[in-house]
C-alpha cells in the first residue's frame, strides 16, 4: 500500500493519499483546495486513478478540494451523513466501509469536535493506521466550542472508540502546528495532556477553559465547505 502525508502550510492541514499500488486505485483524505494542482501532479506522476475523496468533517480553517477534485478527476466525494453538505456524491456512517483497490477504510463516528466528525481505521500489510481528523491530535484534541461541538461527546469518541484501538495503531491527524507527523494510540494514551483526565466531567471542564479564538477563515470556509469548496472561486 502507498501512503503519502501531504501538508498545507497555511492551514496546518495534513492530507493523506492512499493507494493500492497493484490496481493504481487511490483515495484522498481531507484535501485542501489550494493544493489541487499538487494533488493532480502527484497522481499523474505515480500513475494513480483517484476513485474517492473524503473529508473527516466540515472544516473551518481551509476550503476543501472535494468539489474541484470531482470536477477534475470524476472521483466520488464522500462526507458523513451528519454533514450539512448536499454537494457530495455519497455519505458514510459509523461502520461504513470505503474501499480503494484491495484495501478498505473502516469508518468510525467520532463526534465532539463537530457533530459530523469521523475517523478512518485501516489494517493493511501488517500495520494498523487511524486517520483521526480533528478528534485526536498529536498531544492534543480538537476544540469543541463551535459547529455543534460537544466536549462530552468527544470524551466518548476518544475513550470509548479511538483509545480502544490496538496500542500500536499509528495515529495520523488532520492538523499539526508543531511539526509532528505521526504518533500511536499507546503514545497518545500515555502522553497526551488532554487525555490525562479521570472523568468525562473533568474533560468537559478542561475543554471549556480553553477560550480559543475562532479560526481566521471560519466565516468563509464553513459555508464554502458545505458546498464542497465550489462556492468560492479563484
C-alpha atoms as a PDB file:
ATOM      1  CA  UNK A   1       0.000   0.000   0.000  1.00  0.00           C
ATOM      2  CA  UNK A   2       1.143   3.508  -0.788  1.00  0.00           C
ATOM      3  CA  UNK A   3       0.689   6.223   1.860  1.00  0.00           C
ATOM      4  CA  UNK A   4       1.716   9.841   1.392  1.00  0.00           C
ATOM      5  CA  UNK A   5       1.249  12.552   4.010  1.00  0.00           C
ATOM      6  CA  UNK A   6       0.838  15.924   2.309  1.00  0.00           C
ATOM      7  CA  UNK A   7       0.882  19.287   4.098  1.00  0.00           C
ATOM      8  CA  UNK A   8      -0.784  22.665   3.588  1.00  0.00           C
ATOM      9  CA  UNK A   9       1.439  25.209   5.312  1.00  0.00           C
ATOM     10  CA  UNK A  10      -1.192  27.964   5.528  1.00  0.00           C
ATOM     11  CA  UNK A  11      -3.764  25.978   7.484  1.00  0.00           C
ATOM     12  CA  UNK A  12      -1.507  23.353   9.044  1.00  0.00           C
ATOM     13  CA  UNK A  13      -3.625  20.656   7.387  1.00  0.00           C
ATOM     14  CA  UNK A  14      -2.483  17.137   6.592  1.00  0.00           C
ATOM     15  CA  UNK A  15      -3.971  15.442   3.550  1.00  0.00           C
ATOM     16  CA  UNK A  16      -3.460  11.718   3.076  1.00  0.00           C
ATOM     17  CA  UNK A  17      -3.070   9.955  -0.247  1.00  0.00           C
ATOM     18  CA  UNK A  18      -3.722   6.217  -0.006  1.00  0.00           C
ATOM     19  CA  UNK A  19      -3.393   3.871  -2.957  1.00  0.00           C
ATOM     20  CA  UNK A  20      -3.334   0.235  -3.943  1.00  0.00           C
ATOM     21  CA  UNK A  21      -0.154   0.004  -5.981  1.00  0.00           C
ATOM     22  CA  UNK A  22      -1.412  -3.094  -7.794  1.00  0.00           C
ATOM     23  CA  UNK A  23      -4.668  -1.620  -9.098  1.00  0.00           C
ATOM     24  CA  UNK A  24      -3.490   2.042  -9.007  1.00  0.00           C
ATOM     25  CA  UNK A  25      -6.762   2.962  -7.272  1.00  0.00           C
ATOM     26  CA  UNK A  26      -6.296   5.927  -4.923  1.00  0.00           C
ATOM     27  CA  UNK A  27      -8.187   7.807  -2.215  1.00  0.00           C
ATOM     28  CA  UNK A  28      -7.557  11.245  -0.669  1.00  0.00           C
ATOM     29  CA  UNK A  29      -8.487  12.222   2.900  1.00  0.00           C
ATOM     30  CA  UNK A  30      -9.063  15.898   3.809  1.00  0.00           C
ATOM     31  CA  UNK A  31      -7.823  17.544   0.586  1.00  0.00           C
ATOM     32  CA  UNK A  32      -7.234  21.325   0.554  1.00  0.00           C
ATOM     33  CA  UNK A  33      -8.420  23.288  -2.469  1.00  0.00           C
ATOM     34  CA  UNK A  34      -5.275  25.422  -2.684  1.00  0.00           C
ATOM     35  CA  UNK A  35      -3.250  22.228  -3.120  1.00  0.00           C
ATOM     36  CA  UNK A  36      -5.291  20.881  -6.046  1.00  0.00           C
ATOM     37  CA  UNK A  37      -2.510  21.309  -8.670  1.00  0.00           C
ATOM     38  CA  UNK A  38      -0.070  19.425  -6.425  1.00  0.00           C
ATOM     39  CA  UNK A  39      -2.520  16.552  -5.932  1.00  0.00           C
ATOM     40  CA  UNK A  40      -3.192  16.228  -9.649  1.00  0.00           C
ATOM     41  CA  UNK A  41       0.509  16.333 -10.444  1.00  0.00           C
ATOM     42  CA  UNK A  42       1.322  13.657  -7.868  1.00  0.00           C
ATOM     43  CA  UNK A  43      -1.481  11.393  -9.054  1.00  0.00           C
ATOM     44  CA  UNK A  44      -0.160  11.702 -12.582  1.00  0.00           C
ATOM     45  CA  UNK A  45       3.457  11.105 -11.604  1.00  0.00           C
ATOM     46  CA  UNK A  46       2.522   7.958  -9.677  1.00  0.00           C
ATOM     47  CA  UNK A  47       0.127   6.702 -12.339  1.00  0.00           C
ATOM     48  CA  UNK A  48      -2.824   6.626  -9.937  1.00  0.00           C
ATOM     49  CA  UNK A  49      -6.547   6.945 -10.567  1.00  0.00           C
ATOM     50  CA  UNK A  50      -8.415   8.851  -7.868  1.00  0.00           C
ATOM     51  CA  UNK A  51     -11.511   6.844  -7.031  1.00  0.00           C
ATOM     52  CA  UNK A  52     -12.646   8.767  -3.962  1.00  0.00           C
ATOM     53  CA  UNK A  53     -12.003  11.916  -1.933  1.00  0.00           C
ATOM     54  CA  UNK A  54     -13.325  12.186   1.630  1.00  0.00           C
ATOM     55  CA  UNK A  55     -13.485  14.795   4.368  1.00  0.00           C
ATOM     56  CA  UNK A  56     -13.418  13.785   8.018  1.00  0.00           C
ATOM     57  CA  UNK A  57     -15.808  16.691   8.770  1.00  0.00           C
ATOM     58  CA  UNK A  58     -16.791  20.174   7.575  1.00  0.00           C
ATOM     59  CA  UNK A  59     -13.554  22.069   8.162  1.00  0.00           C
ATOM     60  CA  UNK A  60     -13.442  25.645   9.464  1.00  0.00           C
ATOM     61  CA  UNK A  61      -9.855  26.607   8.638  1.00  0.00           C
ATOM     62  CA  UNK A  62      -9.450  25.829   4.934  1.00  0.00           C
ATOM     63  CA  UNK A  63     -11.544  25.263   1.835  1.00  0.00           C
ATOM     64  CA  UNK A  64     -11.936  21.658   0.799  1.00  0.00           C
ATOM     65  CA  UNK A  65     -10.910  20.340  -2.614  1.00  0.00           C
ATOM     66  CA  UNK A  66     -13.727  17.779  -2.781  1.00  0.00           C
ATOM     67  CA  UNK A  67     -15.697  19.568  -5.483  1.00  0.00           C
ATOM     68  CA  UNK A  68     -12.662  20.565  -7.514  1.00  0.00           C
ATOM     69  CA  UNK A  69     -11.301  17.013  -7.409  1.00  0.00           C
ATOM     70  CA  UNK A  70     -14.621  15.597  -8.564  1.00  0.00           C
ATOM     71  CA  UNK A  71     -14.639  18.040 -11.489  1.00  0.00           C
ATOM     72  CA  UNK A  72     -11.029  17.290 -12.394  1.00  0.00           C
ATOM     73  CA  UNK A  73     -10.978  13.507 -11.952  1.00  0.00           C
ATOM     74  CA  UNK A  74     -14.545  12.218 -11.781  1.00  0.00           C
ATOM     75  CA  UNK A  75     -13.917  10.766  -8.324  1.00  0.00           C
ATOM     76  CA  UNK A  76     -16.683  10.034  -5.837  1.00  0.00           C
ATOM     77  CA  UNK A  77     -16.819  12.573  -2.980  1.00  0.00           C
ATOM     78  CA  UNK A  78     -17.816  11.410   0.495  1.00  0.00           C
ATOM     79  CA  UNK A  79     -18.774  13.031   3.791  1.00  0.00           C
ATOM     80  CA  UNK A  80     -20.575  11.773   6.879  1.00  0.00           C
ATOM     81  CA  UNK A  81     -24.352  11.565   6.953  1.00  0.00           C
ATOM     82  CA  UNK A  82     -24.497  14.353   9.563  1.00  0.00           C
ATOM     83  CA  UNK A  83     -22.607  16.860   7.384  1.00  0.00           C
ATOM     84  CA  UNK A  84     -24.731  19.737   6.110  1.00  0.00           C
ATOM     85  CA  UNK A  85     -23.357  19.353   2.595  1.00  0.00           C
ATOM     86  CA  UNK A  86     -25.764  18.390  -0.171  1.00  0.00           C
ATOM     87  CA  UNK A  87     -22.972  18.563  -2.747  1.00  0.00           C
ATOM     88  CA  UNK A  88     -21.307  15.220  -2.003  1.00  0.00           C
ATOM     89  CA  UNK A  89     -21.714  12.148  -4.190  1.00  0.00           C
ATOM     90  CA  UNK A  90     -22.311   9.777  -1.272  1.00  0.00           C
ATOM     91  CA  UNK A  91     -22.416   9.634   2.514  1.00  0.00           C
ATOM     92  CA  UNK A  92     -20.880   7.295   5.044  1.00  0.00           C
ATOM     93  CA  UNK A  93     -21.936   6.397   8.583  1.00  0.00           C
ATOM     94  CA  UNK A  94     -20.494   4.540  11.538  1.00  0.00           C
ATOM     95  CA  UNK A  95     -19.413   1.122  10.317  1.00  0.00           C
ATOM     96  CA  UNK A  96     -19.310   2.022   6.622  1.00  0.00           C
ATOM     97  CA  UNK A  97     -16.518   0.550   4.506  1.00  0.00           C
ATOM     98  CA  UNK A  98     -14.647   2.708   1.976  1.00  0.00           C
ATOM     99  CA  UNK A  99     -12.639   0.553  -0.451  1.00  0.00           C
ATOM    100  CA  UNK A 100      -9.688   1.553  -2.598  1.00  0.00           C
ATOM    101  CA  UNK A 101      -8.313  -1.326  -4.595  1.00  0.00           C
ATOM    102  CA  UNK A 102      -7.881  -4.339  -2.299  1.00  0.00           C
ATOM    103  CA  UNK A 103      -7.821  -2.186   0.846  1.00  0.00           C
ATOM    104  CA  UNK A 104     -10.719  -0.875   2.932  1.00  0.00           C
ATOM    105  CA  UNK A 105     -11.128   2.017   5.351  1.00  0.00           C
ATOM    106  CA  UNK A 106     -13.406   1.280   8.297  1.00  0.00           C
ATOM    107  CA  UNK A 107     -15.482   4.337   9.214  1.00  0.00           C
ATOM    108  CA  UNK A 108     -15.762   5.294  12.906  1.00  0.00           C
ATOM    109  CA  UNK A 109     -18.153   8.038  14.035  1.00  0.00           C
ATOM    110  CA  UNK A 110     -16.187  10.254  16.432  1.00  0.00           C
ATOM    111  CA  UNK A 111     -18.263  13.392  17.145  1.00  0.00           C
ATOM    112  CA  UNK A 112     -17.306  16.112  19.576  1.00  0.00           C
ATOM    113  CA  UNK A 113     -15.076  18.496  17.636  1.00  0.00           C
ATOM    114  CA  UNK A 114     -18.093  18.836  15.356  1.00  0.00           C
ATOM    115  CA  UNK A 115     -21.247  16.755  15.151  1.00  0.00           C
ATOM    116  CA  UNK A 116     -20.153  15.377  11.761  1.00  0.00           C
ATOM    117  CA  UNK A 117     -16.640  14.255  12.736  1.00  0.00           C
ATOM    118  CA  UNK A 118     -15.409  10.833  11.627  1.00  0.00           C
ATOM    119  CA  UNK A 119     -12.200   8.809  11.785  1.00  0.00           C
ATOM    120  CA  UNK A 120     -10.992   6.090   9.413  1.00  0.00           C
ATOM    121  CA  UNK A 121      -9.272   2.881  10.535  1.00  0.00           C
ATOM    122  CA  UNK A 122      -7.170   0.705   8.261  1.00  0.00           C
ATOM    123  CA  UNK A 123      -5.370  -2.594   8.691  1.00  0.00           C
ATOM    124  CA  UNK A 124      -3.030  -3.185   5.764  1.00  0.00           C
ATOM    125  CA  UNK A 125       0.168  -5.098   5.098  1.00  0.00           C
ATOM    126  CA  UNK A 126       0.674  -5.950   8.755  1.00  0.00           C
ATOM    127  CA  UNK A 127       0.204  -2.432  10.122  1.00  0.00           C
ATOM    128  CA  UNK A 128      -2.696  -0.553  11.691  1.00  0.00           C
ATOM    129  CA  UNK A 129      -3.460   3.099  10.989  1.00  0.00           C
ATOM    130  CA  UNK A 130      -6.183   5.534  12.037  1.00  0.00           C
ATOM    131  CA  UNK A 131      -6.876   8.883  10.413  1.00  0.00           C
ATOM    132  CA  UNK A 132      -8.429  10.901  13.221  1.00  0.00           C
ATOM    133  CA  UNK A 133      -9.385  14.207  11.622  1.00  0.00           C
ATOM    134  CA  UNK A 134      -9.578  16.865  14.338  1.00  0.00           C
ATOM    135  CA  UNK A 135     -10.831  14.472  17.016  1.00  0.00           C
ATOM    136  CA  UNK A 136      -7.462  13.189  18.236  1.00  0.00           C
ATOM    137  CA  UNK A 137      -4.400  15.293  17.503  1.00  0.00           C
ATOM    138  CA  UNK A 138      -0.802  14.595  18.446  1.00  0.00           C
ATOM    139  CA  UNK A 139      -0.585  15.685  22.093  1.00  0.00           C
ATOM    140  CA  UNK A 140      -3.942  17.401  21.786  1.00  0.00           C
ATOM    141  CA  UNK A 141      -7.603  17.071  20.834  1.00  0.00           C
ATOM    142  CA  UNK A 142      -9.859  19.145  18.614  1.00  0.00           C
ATOM    143  CA  UNK A 143     -11.675  22.116  20.102  1.00  0.00           C
ATOM    144  CA  UNK A 144     -15.358  21.593  20.880  1.00  0.00           C
ATOM    145  CA  UNK A 145     -16.800  25.112  21.024  1.00  0.00           C
ATOM    146  CA  UNK A 146     -18.427  25.573  17.585  1.00  0.00           C
ATOM    147  CA  UNK A 147     -20.198  23.677  14.747  1.00  0.00           C
ATOM    148  CA  UNK A 148     -22.304  21.747  17.264  1.00  0.00           C
ATOM    149  CA  UNK A 149     -19.191  20.634  19.083  1.00  0.00           C
ATOM    150  CA  UNK A 150     -19.656  18.829  22.362  1.00  0.00           C
ATOM    151  CA  UNK A 151     -16.897  18.011  24.830  1.00  0.00           C
ATOM    152  CA  UNK A 152     -18.835  15.160  26.440  1.00  0.00           C
ATOM    153  CA  UNK A 153     -19.390  13.566  23.030  1.00  0.00           C
ATOM    154  CA  UNK A 154     -15.698  13.966  22.255  1.00  0.00           C
ATOM    155  CA  UNK A 155     -14.743  12.311  25.535  1.00  0.00           C
ATOM    156  CA  UNK A 156     -16.814   9.295  24.480  1.00  0.00           C
ATOM    157  CA  UNK A 157     -15.270   9.316  20.988  1.00  0.00           C
ATOM    158  CA  UNK A 158     -11.790   9.365  22.469  1.00  0.00           C
ATOM    159  CA  UNK A 159     -12.110   6.990  25.391  1.00  0.00           C
ATOM    160  CA  UNK A 160     -14.773   4.607  24.107  1.00  0.00           C
ATOM    161  CA  UNK A 161     -13.755   4.453  20.457  1.00  0.00           C
ATOM    162  CA  UNK A 162     -10.263   5.624  19.453  1.00  0.00           C
ATOM    163  CA  UNK A 163      -8.322   4.725  22.597  1.00  0.00           C
ATOM    164  CA  UNK A 164      -9.726   1.190  22.430  1.00  0.00           C
ATOM    165  CA  UNK A 165      -7.901   0.560  19.176  1.00  0.00           C
ATOM    166  CA  UNK A 166      -4.700  -1.518  19.458  1.00  0.00           C
ATOM    167  CA  UNK A 167      -1.892   0.469  21.056  1.00  0.00           C
ATOM    168  CA  UNK A 168       0.419   0.109  18.060  1.00  0.00           C
ATOM    169  CA  UNK A 169      -2.112   1.767  15.733  1.00  0.00           C
ATOM    170  CA  UNK A 170      -0.418   4.723  14.020  1.00  0.00           C
ATOM    171  CA  UNK A 171      -2.301   7.988  14.531  1.00  0.00           C
ATOM    172  CA  UNK A 172      -2.473  10.371  11.577  1.00  0.00           C
ATOM    173  CA  UNK A 173      -4.352  13.598  12.443  1.00  0.00           C
ATOM    174  CA  UNK A 174      -5.777  16.236  10.114  1.00  0.00           C
ATOM    175  CA  UNK A 175      -3.695  19.006  11.681  1.00  0.00           C
ATOM    176  CA  UNK A 176      -0.444  19.712  13.423  1.00  0.00           C
ATOM    177  CA  UNK A 177       1.172  23.052  14.195  1.00  0.00           C
ATOM    178  CA  UNK A 178       4.454  21.870  15.722  1.00  0.00           C
ATOM    179  CA  UNK A 179       5.886  19.625  13.032  1.00  0.00           C
ATOM    180  CA  UNK A 180       4.703  16.310  14.470  1.00  0.00           C
ATOM    181  CA  UNK A 181       3.683  13.913  11.717  1.00  0.00           C
ATOM    182  CA  UNK A 182       2.560  10.658  13.337  1.00  0.00           C
ATOM    183  CA  UNK A 183       2.006   9.113  16.763  1.00  0.00           C
ATOM    184  CA  UNK A 184       0.407   5.928  18.104  1.00  0.00           C
ATOM    185  CA  UNK A 185      -2.650   5.194  20.200  1.00  0.00           C
ATOM    186  CA  UNK A 186      -0.442   3.960  23.072  1.00  0.00           C
ATOM    187  CA  UNK A 187       1.740   7.063  22.903  1.00  0.00           C
ATOM    188  CA  UNK A 188      -1.233   9.419  22.992  1.00  0.00           C
ATOM    189  CA  UNK A 189      -2.886   7.448  25.774  1.00  0.00           C
ATOM    190  CA  UNK A 190       0.271   7.850  27.878  1.00  0.00           C
ATOM    191  CA  UNK A 191       1.463  11.350  26.958  1.00  0.00           C
ATOM    192  CA  UNK A 192      -1.366  13.442  25.513  1.00  0.00           C
ATOM    193  CA  UNK A 193      -2.090  16.010  28.260  1.00  0.00           C
ATOM    194  CA  UNK A 194      -5.779  16.267  27.387  1.00  0.00           C
ATOM    195  CA  UNK A 195      -6.235  12.536  27.904  1.00  0.00           C
ATOM    196  CA  UNK A 196      -4.883  12.520  31.458  1.00  0.00           C
ATOM    197  CA  UNK A 197      -8.315  13.078  32.972  1.00  0.00           C
ATOM    198  CA  UNK A 198     -10.199  10.939  35.441  1.00  0.00           C
ATOM    199  CA  UNK A 199     -13.720  11.504  34.177  1.00  0.00           C
ATOM    200  CA  UNK A 200     -15.961  12.934  31.491  1.00  0.00           C
ATOM    201  CA  UNK A 201     -16.746  15.888  33.756  1.00  0.00           C
ATOM    202  CA  UNK A 202     -13.062  16.713  34.130  1.00  0.00           C
ATOM    203  CA  UNK A 203     -12.585  16.587  30.362  1.00  0.00           C
ATOM    204  CA  UNK A 204     -15.594  18.869  29.780  1.00  0.00           C
ATOM    205  CA  UNK A 205     -14.189  21.338  32.306  1.00  0.00           C
ATOM    206  CA  UNK A 206     -10.751  21.226  30.655  1.00  0.00           C
ATOM    207  CA  UNK A 207     -12.177  21.954  27.208  1.00  0.00           C
ATOM    208  CA  UNK A 208     -14.442  24.748  28.476  1.00  0.00           C
ATOM    209  CA  UNK A 209     -11.424  26.540  29.929  1.00  0.00           C
ATOM    210  CA  UNK A 210      -9.523  26.766  26.611  1.00  0.00           C
ATOM    211  CA  UNK A 211     -11.181  30.005  25.334  1.00  0.00           C
ATOM    212  CA  UNK A 212      -9.641  29.756  21.858  1.00  0.00           C
ATOM    213  CA  UNK A 213     -10.110  32.395  19.130  1.00  0.00           C
ATOM    214  CA  UNK A 214     -12.144  31.362  16.085  1.00  0.00           C
ATOM    215  CA  UNK A 215     -10.183  30.215  13.010  1.00  0.00           C
ATOM    216  CA  UNK A 216      -9.421  33.161  10.741  1.00  0.00           C
ATOM    217  CA  UNK A 217     -11.255  31.650   7.753  1.00  0.00           C
ATOM    218  CA  UNK A 218     -14.204  30.223   9.658  1.00  0.00           C
ATOM    219  CA  UNK A 219     -16.889  32.522   8.206  1.00  0.00           C
ATOM    220  CA  UNK A 220     -15.663  31.752   4.689  1.00  0.00           C
ATOM    221  CA  UNK A 221     -14.587  28.136   4.994  1.00  0.00           C
ATOM    222  CA  UNK A 222     -17.646  26.613   6.673  1.00  0.00           C
ATOM    223  CA  UNK A 223     -20.236  27.762   4.091  1.00  0.00           C
ATOM    224  CA  UNK A 224     -17.807  27.054   1.254  1.00  0.00           C
ATOM    225  CA  UNK A 225     -17.161  23.542   2.523  1.00  0.00           C
ATOM    226  CA  UNK A 226     -20.873  22.834   2.791  1.00  0.00           C
ATOM    227  CA  UNK A 227     -20.773  23.384  -0.976  1.00  0.00           C
ATOM    228  CA  UNK A 228     -17.699  21.103  -1.369  1.00  0.00           C
ATOM    229  CA  UNK A 229     -15.492  24.155  -1.855  1.00  0.00           C
ATOM    230  CA  UNK A 230     -17.190  25.161  -5.090  1.00  0.00           C
ATOM    231  CA  UNK A 231     -18.892  28.352  -3.897  1.00  0.00           C
ATOM    232  CA  UNK A 232     -15.574  30.191  -3.701  1.00  0.00           C
ATOM    233  CA  UNK A 233     -13.694  30.684  -6.952  1.00  0.00           C
ATOM    234  CA  UNK A 234     -10.219  31.971  -7.672  1.00  0.00           C
END
